[in-house]
Amino acid sequence: MKRIACLVGIFVLGVSLVWAAGPKSYQVTGPILEVRDDVIVVEKGKEKWEIAKDKGTKVSGELTVGKKVTVYYTMKATEIEAKEAPAKPAAKEAPQKQ
């Protein structure tokens, strides 16, 4: 019985690590406005969403202007620049009542 409980515990731990492993994924659905080798532009409401793609992007079907698509994507940083936080100004003393 202890062996089964141990296996279940390991399974649950493994599943939780897989869920936490990668960045959150998103999706956008709408008609294609433009397709280039490195970008697809999709209209969502009144907004134009420009999403990068490359040779590794999995594509099902033919991408043609006007066709409705769902694009699945993740957000990935290309550069991060850390800066020091600005110094907080000294608090002004409140006038004392007499």
PDB file of N, CA and C in Angstrom:
ATOM      1  N   MET A   1       0.821  -1.201   0.000  1.00  0.00           N
ATOM      2  CA  MET A   1       0.000   0.000   0.000  1.00  0.00           C
ATOM      3  C   MET A   1       0.864   1.264   0.000  1.00  0.00           C
ATOM      4  N   LYS A   2       1.961   1.211   0.765  1.00  0.00           N
ATOM      5  CA  LYS A   2       2.862   2.365   0.811  1.00  0.00           C
ATOM      6  C   LYS A   2       3.478   2.613  -0.562  1.00  0.00           C
ATOM      7  N   ARG A   3       3.730   1.521  -1.276  1.00  0.00           N
ATOM      8  CA  ARG A   3       4.335   1.646  -2.602  1.00  0.00           C
ATOM      9  C   ARG A   3       3.392   2.383  -3.552  1.00  0.00           C
ATOM     10  N   ILE A   4       2.099   2.092  -3.511  1.00  0.00           N
ATOM     11  CA  ILE A   4       1.115   2.753  -4.365  1.00  0.00           C
ATOM     12  C   ILE A   4       1.007   4.232  -4.007  1.00  0.00           C
ATOM     13  N   ALA A   5       0.976   4.529  -2.718  1.00  0.00           N
ATOM     14  CA  ALA A   5       0.900   5.931  -2.285  1.00  0.00           C
ATOM     15  C   ALA A   5       2.130   6.699  -2.734  1.00  0.00           C
ATOM     16  N   CYS A   6       3.286   6.060  -2.678  1.00  0.00           N
ATOM     17  CA  CYS A   6       4.529   6.703  -3.120  1.00  0.00           C
ATOM     18  C   CYS A   6       4.484   6.969  -4.627  1.00  0.00           C
ATOM     19  N   LEU A   7       4.022   6.010  -5.410  1.00  0.00           N
ATOM     20  CA  LEU A   7       3.918   6.191  -6.857  1.00  0.00           C
ATOM     21  C   LEU A   7       2.929   7.294  -7.219  1.00  0.00           C
ATOM     22  N   VAL A   8       1.809   7.339  -6.510  1.00  0.00           N
ATOM     23  CA  VAL A   8       0.826   8.403  -6.756  1.00  0.00           C
ATOM     24  C   VAL A   8       1.435   9.766  -6.427  1.00  0.00           C
ATOM     25  N   GLY A   9       2.166   9.848  -5.326  1.00  0.00           N
ATOM     26  CA  GLY A   9       2.826  11.105  -4.952  1.00  0.00           C
ATOM     27  C   GLY A   9       3.826  11.559  -6.002  1.00  0.00           C
ATOM     28  N   ILE A  10       4.620  10.629  -6.520  1.00  0.00           N
ATOM     29  CA  ILE A  10       5.598  10.963  -7.554  1.00  0.00           C
ATOM     30  C   ILE A  10       4.888  11.422  -8.828  1.00  0.00           C
ATOM     31  N   PHE A  11       3.798  10.760  -9.192  1.00  0.00           N
ATOM     32  CA  PHE A  11       3.034  11.137 -10.376  1.00  0.00           C
ATOM     33  C   PHE A  11       2.481  12.556 -10.238  1.00  0.00           C
ATOM     34  N   VAL A  12       1.887  12.854  -9.090  1.00  0.00           N
ATOM     35  CA  VAL A  12       1.316  14.191  -8.860  1.00  0.00           C
ATOM     36  C   VAL A  12       2.408  15.246  -8.914  1.00  0.00           C
ATOM     37  N   LEU A  13       3.555  14.976  -8.318  1.00  0.00           N
ATOM     38  CA  LEU A  13       4.669  15.918  -8.350  1.00  0.00           C
ATOM     39  C   LEU A  13       5.143  16.137  -9.783  1.00  0.00           C
ATOM     40  N   GLY A  14       5.260  15.057 -10.549  1.00  0.00           N
ATOM     41  CA  GLY A  14       5.692  15.173 -11.943  1.00  0.00           C
ATOM     42  C   GLY A  14       4.729  15.991 -12.775  1.00  0.00           C
ATOM     43  N   VAL A  15       3.440  15.762 -12.610  1.00  0.00           N
ATOM     44  CA  VAL A  15       2.429  16.517 -13.361  1.00  0.00           C
ATOM     45  C   VAL A  15       2.484  17.988 -12.996  1.00  0.00           C
ATOM     46  N   SER A  16       2.648  18.303 -11.721  1.00  0.00           N
ATOM     47  CA  SER A  16       2.694  19.714 -11.313  1.00  0.00           C
ATOM     48  C   SER A  16       3.923  20.410 -11.876  1.00  0.00           C
ATOM     49  N   LEU A  17       5.040  19.705 -11.983  1.00  0.00           N
ATOM     50  CA  LEU A  17       6.240  20.302 -12.572  1.00  0.00           C
ATOM     51  C   LEU A  17       6.063  20.564 -14.063  1.00  0.00           C
ATOM     52  N   VAL A  18       5.382  19.678 -14.759  1.00  0.00           N
ATOM     53  CA  VAL A  18       5.125  19.882 -16.187  1.00  0.00           C
ATOM     54  C   VAL A  18       4.240  21.103 -16.395  1.00  0.00           C
ATOM     55  N   TRP A  19       3.224  21.279 -15.566  1.00  0.00           N
ATOM     56  CA  TRP A  19       2.313  22.427 -15.697  1.00  0.00           C
ATOM     57  C   TRP A  19       3.037  23.735 -15.459  1.00  0.00           C
ATOM     58  N   ALA A  20       4.008  23.731 -14.552  1.00  0.00           N
ATOM     59  CA  ALA A  20       4.709  24.966 -14.203  1.00  0.00           C
ATOM     60  C   ALA A  20       5.936  25.203 -15.081  1.00  0.00           C
ATOM     61  N   ALA A  21       6.260  24.297 -15.968  1.00  0.00           N
ATOM     62  CA  ALA A  21       7.517  24.339 -16.709  1.00  0.00           C
ATOM     63  C   ALA A  21       7.607  25.480 -17.707  1.00  0.00           C
ATOM     64  N   GLY A  22       6.580  25.740 -18.492  1.00  0.00           N
ATOM     65  CA  GLY A  22       6.699  26.698 -19.581  1.00  0.00           C
ATOM     66  C   GLY A  22       5.892  27.959 -19.364  1.00  0.00           C
ATOM     67  N   PRO A  23       6.100  28.930 -20.252  1.00  0.00           N
ATOM     68  CA  PRO A  23       5.325  30.163 -20.164  1.00  0.00           C
ATOM     69  C   PRO A  23       3.867  29.925 -20.546  1.00  0.00           C
ATOM     70  N   LYS A  24       3.029  30.814 -20.093  1.00  0.00           N
ATOM     71  CA  LYS A  24       1.600  30.714 -20.402  1.00  0.00           C
ATOM     72  C   LYS A  24       1.396  30.889 -21.901  1.00  0.00           C
ATOM     73  N   SER A  25       0.469  30.125 -22.454  1.00  0.00           N
ATOM     74  CA  SER A  25       0.182  30.272 -23.877  1.00  0.00           C
ATOM     75  C   SER A  25      -1.132  31.028 -24.072  1.00  0.00           C
ATOM     76  N   TYR A  26      -1.235  31.719 -25.190  1.00  0.00           N
ATOM     77  CA  TYR A  26      -2.383  32.550 -25.513  1.00  0.00           C
ATOM     78  C   TYR A  26      -2.866  32.190 -26.916  1.00  0.00           C
ATOM     79  N   GLN A  27      -3.994  32.747 -27.312  1.00  0.00           N
ATOM     80  CA  GLN A  27      -4.476  32.561 -28.676  1.00  0.00           C
ATOM     81  C   GLN A  27      -5.232  33.795 -29.130  1.00  0.00           C
ATOM     82  N   VAL A  28      -5.230  34.005 -30.438  1.00  0.00           N
ATOM     83  CA  VAL A  28      -6.003  35.077 -31.055  1.00  0.00           C
ATOM     84  C   VAL A  28      -6.653  34.497 -32.305  1.00  0.00           C
ATOM     85  N   THR A  29      -7.936  34.828 -32.502  1.00  0.00           N
ATOM     86  CA  THR A  29      -8.686  34.320 -33.646  1.00  0.00           C
ATOM     87  C   THR A  29      -9.247  35.490 -34.446  1.00  0.00           C
ATOM     88  N   GLY A  30      -9.149  35.390 -35.767  1.00  0.00           N
ATOM     89  CA  GLY A  30      -9.693  36.422 -36.637  1.00  0.00           C
ATOM     90  C   GLY A  30      -9.231  36.216 -38.060  1.00  0.00           C
ATOM     91  N   PRO A  31      -9.675  37.096 -38.947  1.00  0.00           N
ATOM     92  CA  PRO A  31      -9.262  36.981 -40.351  1.00  0.00           C
ATOM     93  C   PRO A  31      -7.819  37.448 -40.548  1.00  0.00           C
ATOM     94  N   ILE A  32      -7.151  36.833 -41.508  1.00  0.00           N
ATOM     95  CA  ILE A  32      -5.780  37.225 -41.850  1.00  0.00           C
ATOM     96  C   ILE A  32      -5.827  38.503 -42.673  1.00  0.00           C
ATOM     97  N   LEU A  33      -5.037  39.493 -42.269  1.00  0.00           N
ATOM     98  CA  LEU A  33      -4.919  40.739 -43.031  1.00  0.00           C
ATOM     99  C   LEU A  33      -3.689  40.732 -43.929  1.00  0.00           C
ATOM    100  N   GLU A  34      -2.625  40.048 -43.457  1.00  0.00           N
ATOM    101  CA  GLU A  34      -1.367  40.040 -44.211  1.00  0.00           C
ATOM    102  C   GLU A  34      -0.547  38.824 -43.780  1.00  0.00           C
ATOM    103  N   VAL A  35       0.180  38.240 -44.727  1.00  0.00           N
ATOM    104  CA  VAL A  35       1.081  37.124 -44.433  1.00  0.00           C
ATOM    105  C   VAL A  35       2.420  37.405 -45.106  1.00  0.00           C
ATOM    106  N   ARG A  36       3.495  37.358 -44.300  1.00  0.00           N
ATOM    107  CA  ARG A  36       4.858  37.468 -44.824  1.00  0.00           C
ATOM    108  C   ARG A  36       5.636  36.262 -44.320  1.00  0.00           C
ATOM    109  N   ASP A  37       6.881  36.115 -44.754  1.00  0.00           N
ATOM    110  CA  ASP A  37       7.694  34.977 -44.323  1.00  0.00           C
ATOM    111  C   ASP A  37       7.867  34.930 -42.808  1.00  0.00           C
ATOM    112  N   ASP A  38       7.969  36.105 -42.169  1.00  0.00           N
ATOM    113  CA  ASP A  38       8.267  36.149 -40.741  1.00  0.00           C
ATOM    114  C   ASP A  38       7.134  36.691 -39.869  1.00  0.00           C
ATOM    115  N   VAL A  39       6.003  37.066 -40.467  1.00  0.00           N
ATOM    116  CA  VAL A  39       4.914  37.701 -39.709  1.00  0.00           C
ATOM    117  C   VAL A  39       3.558  37.305 -40.282  1.00  0.00           C
ATOM    118  N   ILE A  40       2.575  37.172 -39.386  1.00  0.00           N
ATOM    119  CA  ILE A  40       1.173  37.062 -39.801  1.00  0.00           C
ATOM    120  C   ILE A  40       0.421  38.167 -39.069  1.00  0.00           C
ATOM    121  N   VAL A  41      -0.439  38.871 -39.775  1.00  0.00           N
ATOM    122  CA  VAL A  41      -1.232  39.945 -39.192  1.00  0.00           C
ATOM    123  C   VAL A  41      -2.686  39.485 -39.171  1.00  0.00           C
ATOM    124  N   VAL A  42      -3.272  39.463 -37.962  1.00  0.00           N
ATOM    125  CA  VAL A  42      -4.639  39.000 -37.757  1.00  0.00           C
ATOM    126  C   VAL A  42      -5.457  40.136 -37.162  1.00  0.00           C
ATOM    127  N   GLU A  43      -6.704  40.276 -37.606  1.00  0.00           N
ATOM    128  CA  GLU A  43      -7.593  41.303 -37.071  1.00  0.00           C
ATOM    129  C   GLU A  43      -8.437  40.702 -35.954  1.00  0.00           C
ATOM    130  N   LYS A  44      -8.380  41.342 -34.779  1.00  0.00           N
ATOM    131  CA  LYS A  44      -9.211  40.927 -33.645  1.00  0.00           C
ATOM    132  C   LYS A  44     -10.026  42.143 -33.248  1.00  0.00           C
ATOM    133  N   GLY A  45     -11.310  42.114 -33.533  1.00  0.00           N
ATOM    134  CA  GLY A  45     -12.134  43.303 -33.302  1.00  0.00           C
ATOM    135  C   GLY A  45     -11.679  44.395 -34.253  1.00  0.00           C
ATOM    136  N   LYS A  46     -11.283  45.539 -33.684  1.00  0.00           N
ATOM    137  CA  LYS A  46     -10.775  46.638 -34.505  1.00  0.00           C
ATOM    138  C   LYS A  46      -9.256  46.731 -34.440  1.00  0.00           C
ATOM    139  N   GLU A  47      -8.624  45.790 -33.746  1.00  0.00           N
ATOM    140  CA  GLU A  47      -7.172  45.813 -33.577  1.00  0.00           C
ATOM    141  C   GLU A  47      -6.480  44.889 -34.573  1.00  0.00           C
ATOM    142  N   LYS A  48      -5.267  45.272 -34.973  1.00  0.00           N
ATOM    143  CA  LYS A  48      -4.431  44.443 -35.832  1.00  0.00           C
ATOM    144  C   LYS A  48      -3.340  43.818 -34.960  1.00  0.00           C
ATOM    145  N   TRP A  49      -3.292  42.501 -34.931  1.00  0.00           N
ATOM    146  CA  TRP A  49      -2.301  41.769 -34.151  1.00  0.00           C
ATOM    147  C   TRP A  49      -1.219  41.269 -35.094  1.00  0.00           C
ATOM    148  N   GLU A  50       0.007  41.719 -34.889  1.00  0.00           N
ATOM    149  CA  GLU A  50       1.145  41.311 -35.697  1.00  0.00           C
ATOM    150  C   GLU A  50       1.950  40.302 -34.884  1.00  0.00           C
ATOM    151  N   ILE A  51       2.004  39.058 -35.352  1.00  0.00           N
ATOM    152  CA  ILE A  51       2.649  37.987 -34.598  1.00  0.00           C
ATOM    153  C   ILE A  51       3.763  37.382 -35.442  1.00  0.00           C
ATOM    154  N   ALA A  52       4.954  37.289 -34.843  1.00  0.00           N
ATOM    155  CA  ALA A  52       6.115  36.740 -35.547  1.00  0.00           C
ATOM    156  C   ALA A  52       5.958  35.236 -35.740  1.00  0.00           C
ATOM    157  N   LYS A  53       6.511  34.743 -36.849  1.00  0.00           N
ATOM    158  CA  LYS A  53       6.557  33.307 -37.108  1.00  0.00           C
ATOM    159  C   LYS A  53       7.869  33.003 -37.803  1.00  0.00           C
ATOM    160  N   ASP A  54       8.278  31.731 -37.752  1.00  0.00           N
ATOM    161  CA  ASP A  54       9.513  31.332 -38.425  1.00  0.00           C
ATOM    162  C   ASP A  54       9.352  29.944 -39.016  1.00  0.00           C
ATOM    163  N   LYS A  55      10.451  29.348 -39.468  1.00  0.00           N
ATOM    164  CA  LYS A  55      10.395  28.035 -40.105  1.00  0.00           C
ATOM    165  C   LYS A  55       9.884  26.966 -39.150  1.00  0.00           C
ATOM    166  N   GLY A  56      10.068  27.159 -37.849  1.00  0.00           N
ATOM    167  CA  GLY A  56       9.639  26.183 -36.852  1.00  0.00           C
ATOM    168  C   GLY A  56       8.174  26.291 -36.467  1.00  0.00           C
ATOM    169  N   THR A  57       7.468  27.320 -36.954  1.00  0.00           N
ATOM    170  CA  THR A  57       6.052  27.494 -36.638  1.00  0.00           C
ATOM    171  C   THR A  57       5.229  26.442 -37.353  1.00  0.00           C
ATOM    172  N   LYS A  58       4.443  25.686 -36.591  1.00  0.00           N
ATOM    173  CA  LYS A  58       3.583  24.653 -37.182  1.00  0.00           C
ATOM    174  C   LYS A  58       2.373  25.344 -37.814  1.00  0.00           C
ATOM    175  N   VAL A  59       2.120  25.056 -39.089  1.00  0.00           N
ATOM    176  CA  VAL A  59       0.992  25.653 -39.813  1.00  0.00           C
ATOM    177  C   VAL A  59       0.119  24.534 -40.372  1.00  0.00           C
ATOM    178  N   SER A  60      -1.173  24.579 -40.038  1.00  0.00           N
ATOM    179  CA  SER A  60      -2.134  23.624 -40.596  1.00  0.00           C
ATOM    180  C   SER A  60      -2.983  24.363 -41.615  1.00  0.00           C
ATOM    181  N   GLY A  61      -2.971  23.927 -42.865  1.00  0.00           N
ATOM    182  CA  GLY A  61      -3.731  24.595 -43.913  1.00  0.00           C
ATOM    183  C   GLY A  61      -2.927  25.688 -44.573  1.00  0.00           C
ATOM    184  N   GLU A  62      -3.570  26.353 -45.513  1.00  0.00           N
ATOM    185  CA  GLU A  62      -2.913  27.412 -46.279  1.00  0.00           C
ATOM    186  C   GLU A  62      -3.264  28.773 -45.698  1.00  0.00           C
ATOM    187  N   LEU A  63      -2.258  29.613 -45.491  1.00  0.00           N
ATOM    188  CA  LEU A  63      -2.466  30.955 -44.952  1.00  0.00           C
ATOM    189  C   LEU A  63      -2.708  31.926 -46.098  1.00  0.00           C
ATOM    190  N   THR A  64      -3.953  32.367 -46.253  1.00  0.00           N
ATOM    191  CA  THR A  64      -4.287  33.334 -47.289  1.00  0.00           C
ATOM    192  C   THR A  64      -5.082  34.474 -46.671  1.00  0.00           C
ATOM    193  N   VAL A  65      -4.917  35.654 -47.231  1.00  0.00           N
ATOM    194  CA  VAL A  65      -5.605  36.846 -46.733  1.00  0.00           C
ATOM    195  C   VAL A  65      -7.116  36.613 -46.765  1.00  0.00           C
ATOM    196  N   GLY A  66      -7.771  36.971 -45.657  1.00  0.00           N
ATOM    197  CA  GLY A  66      -9.217  36.835 -45.536  1.00  0.00           C
ATOM    198  C   GLY A  66      -9.648  35.564 -44.833  1.00  0.00           C
ATOM    199  N   LYS A  67      -8.791  34.555 -44.815  1.00  0.00           N
ATOM    200  CA  LYS A  67      -9.127  33.287 -44.167  1.00  0.00           C
ATOM    201  C   LYS A  67      -9.091  33.465 -42.652  1.00  0.00           C
ATOM    202  N   LYS A  68     -10.055  32.854 -41.943  1.00  0.00           N
ATOM    203  CA  LYS A  68     -10.099  32.941 -40.484  1.00  0.00           C
ATOM    204  C   LYS A  68      -9.116  31.934 -39.893  1.00  0.00           C
ATOM    205  N   VAL A  69      -8.295  32.393 -38.945  1.00  0.00           N
ATOM    206  CA  VAL A  69      -7.298  31.534 -38.311  1.00  0.00           C
ATOM    207  C   VAL A  69      -7.336  31.711 -36.792  1.00  0.00           C
ATOM    208  N   THR A  70      -6.791  30.741 -36.111  1.00  0.00           N
ATOM    209  CA  THR A  70      -6.508  30.858 -34.682  1.00  0.00           C
ATOM    210  C   THR A  70      -5.013  30.682 -34.532  1.00  0.00           C
ATOM    211  N   VAL A  71      -4.366  31.686 -33.937  1.00  0.00           N
ATOM    212  CA  VAL A  71      -2.919  31.668 -33.730  1.00  0.00           C
ATOM    213  C   VAL A  71      -2.670  31.417 -32.246  1.00  0.00           C
ATOM    214  N   TYR A  72      -1.885  30.394 -31.953  1.00  0.00           N
ATOM    215  CA  TYR A  72      -1.489  30.079 -30.576  1.00  0.00           C
ATOM    216  C   TYR A  72      -0.065  30.590 -30.391  1.00  0.00           C
ATOM    217  N   TYR A  73       0.177  31.331 -29.316  1.00  0.00           N
ATOM    218  CA  TYR A  73       1.492  31.925 -29.121  1.00  0.00           C
ATOM    219  C   TYR A  73       1.823  32.036 -27.640  1.00  0.00           C
ATOM    220  N   THR A  74       3.099  32.271 -27.349  1.00  0.00           N
ATOM    221  CA  THR A  74       3.571  32.568 -26.002  1.00  0.00           C
ATOM    222  C   THR A  74       4.341  33.879 -26.063  1.00  0.00           C
ATOM    223  N   MET A  75       4.464  34.525 -24.924  1.00  0.00           N
ATOM    224  CA  MET A  75       5.257  35.754 -24.876  1.00  0.00           C
ATOM    225  C   MET A  75       6.682  35.389 -24.484  1.00  0.00           C
ATOM    226  N   LYS A  76       7.647  35.930 -25.214  1.00  0.00           N
ATOM    227  CA  LYS A  76       9.048  35.627 -24.977  1.00  0.00           C
ATOM    228  C   LYS A  76       9.845  36.919 -25.008  1.00  0.00           C
ATOM    229  N   ALA A  77      10.629  37.146 -23.991  1.00  0.00           N
ATOM    230  CA  ALA A  77      11.460  38.349 -23.933  1.00  0.00           C
ATOM    231  C   ALA A  77      12.611  38.221 -24.921  1.00  0.00           C
ATOM    232  N   THR A  78      12.913  39.312 -25.617  1.00  0.00           N
ATOM    233  CA  THR A  78      14.069  39.332 -26.509  1.00  0.00           C
ATOM    234  C   THR A  78      15.234  40.077 -25.871  1.00  0.00           C
ATOM    235  N   GLU A  79      14.930  40.931 -24.899  1.00  0.00           N
ATOM    236  CA  GLU A  79      15.969  41.675 -24.185  1.00  0.00           C
ATOM    237  C   GLU A  79      15.380  42.166 -22.872  1.00  0.00           C
ATOM    238  N   ILE A  80      16.192  42.167 -21.838  1.00  0.00           N
ATOM    239  CA  ILE A  80      15.755  42.673 -20.534  1.00  0.00           C
ATOM    240  C   ILE A  80      16.821  43.616 -20.023  1.00  0.00           C
ATOM    241  N   GLU A  81      16.420  44.826 -19.658  1.00  0.00           N
ATOM    242  CA  GLU A  81      17.341  45.825 -19.135  1.00  0.00           C
ATOM    243  C   GLU A  81      16.870  46.227 -17.746  1.00  0.00           C
ATOM    244  N   ALA A  82      17.677  45.953 -16.736  1.00  0.00           N
ATOM    245  CA  ALA A  82      17.317  46.300 -15.358  1.00  0.00           C
ATOM    246  C   ALA A  82      17.927  47.649 -15.000  1.00  0.00           C
ATOM    247  N   LYS A  83      17.157  48.479 -14.342  1.00  0.00           N
ATOM    248  CA  LYS A  83      17.628  49.797 -13.923  1.00  0.00           C
ATOM    249  C   LYS A  83      17.366  49.954 -12.434  1.00  0.00           C
ATOM    250  N   GLU A  84      18.164  50.777 -11.800  1.00  0.00           N
ATOM    251  CA  GLU A  84      17.978  51.040 -10.371  1.00  0.00           C
ATOM    252  C   GLU A  84      16.679  51.811 -10.166  1.00  0.00           C
ATOM    253  N   ALA A  85      16.003  51.507  -9.077  1.00  0.00           N
ATOM    254  CA  ALA A  85      14.770  52.224  -8.739  1.00  0.00           C
ATOM    255  C   ALA A  85      15.133  53.643  -8.317  1.00  0.00           C
ATOM    256  N   PRO A  86      14.321  54.632  -8.692  1.00  0.00           N
ATOM    257  CA  PRO A  86      14.624  56.005  -8.283  1.00  0.00           C
ATOM    258  C   PRO A  86      14.523  56.147  -6.767  1.00  0.00           C
ATOM    259  N   ALA A  87      15.359  57.014  -6.214  1.00  0.00           N
ATOM    260  CA  ALA A  87      15.346  57.242  -4.772  1.00  0.00           C
ATOM    261  C   ALA A  87      14.044  57.928  -4.383  1.00  0.00           C
ATOM    262  N   LYS A  88      13.492  57.515  -3.271  1.00  0.00           N
ATOM    263  CA  LYS A  88      12.242  58.125  -2.803  1.00  0.00           C
ATOM    264  C   LYS A  88      12.561  59.460  -2.135  1.00  0.00           C
ATOM    265  N   PRO A  89      11.776  60.505  -2.441  1.00  0.00           N
ATOM    266  CA  PRO A  89      12.020  61.797  -1.799  1.00  0.00           C
ATOM    267  C   PRO A  89      11.688  61.706  -0.318  1.00  0.00           C
ATOM    268  N   ALA A  90      12.375  62.506   0.478  1.00  0.00           N
ATOM    269  CA  ALA A  90      12.129  62.509   1.930  1.00  0.00           C
ATOM    270  C   ALA A  90      10.732  63.039   2.198  1.00  0.00           C
ATOM    271  N   ALA A  91      10.051  62.424   3.130  1.00  0.00           N
ATOM    272  CA  ALA A  91       8.688  62.851   3.466  1.00  0.00           C
ATOM    273  C   ALA A  91       8.724  64.189   4.169  1.00  0.00           C
ATOM    274  N   LYS A  92       7.811  65.066   3.795  1.00  0.00           N
ATOM    275  CA  LYS A  92       7.730  66.386   4.432  1.00  0.00           C
ATOM    276  C   LYS A  92       7.052  66.230   5.781  1.00  0.00           C
ATOM    277  N   GLU A  93       7.567  66.981   6.745  1.00  0.00           N
ATOM    278  CA  GLU A  93       6.959  66.934   8.073  1.00  0.00           C
ATOM    279  C   GLU A  93       5.721  67.808   8.088  1.00  0.00           C
ATOM    280  N   ALA A  94       4.677  67.302   8.701  1.00  0.00           N
ATOM    281  CA  ALA A  94       3.422  68.063   8.800  1.00  0.00           C
ATOM    282  C   ALA A  94       3.592  69.168   9.845  1.00  0.00           C
ATOM    283  N   PRO A  95       3.026  70.343   9.573  1.00  0.00           N
ATOM    284  CA  PRO A  95       3.129  71.439  10.554  1.00  0.00           C
ATOM    285  C   PRO A  95       2.403  71.041  11.848  1.00  0.00           C
ATOM    286  N   GLN A  96       2.999  71.419  12.942  1.00  0.00           N
ATOM    287  CA  GLN A  96       2.411  71.084  14.240  1.00  0.00           C
ATOM    288  C   GLN A  96       1.360  72.101  14.605  1.00  0.00           C
ATOM    289  N   LYS A  97       0.256  71.608  15.169  1.00  0.00           N
ATOM    290  CA  LYS A  97      -0.805  72.510  15.614  1.00  0.00           C
ATOM    291  C   LYS A  97      -0.474  73.023  17.004  1.00  0.00           C
ATOM    292  N   GLN A  98      -0.823  74.261  17.256  1.00  0.00           N
ATOM    293  CA  GLN A  98      -0.552  74.841  18.563  1.00  0.00           C
ATOM    294  C   GLN A  98      -1.806  75.114  19.322  1.00  0.00           C
TER     295      GLN A  98
END
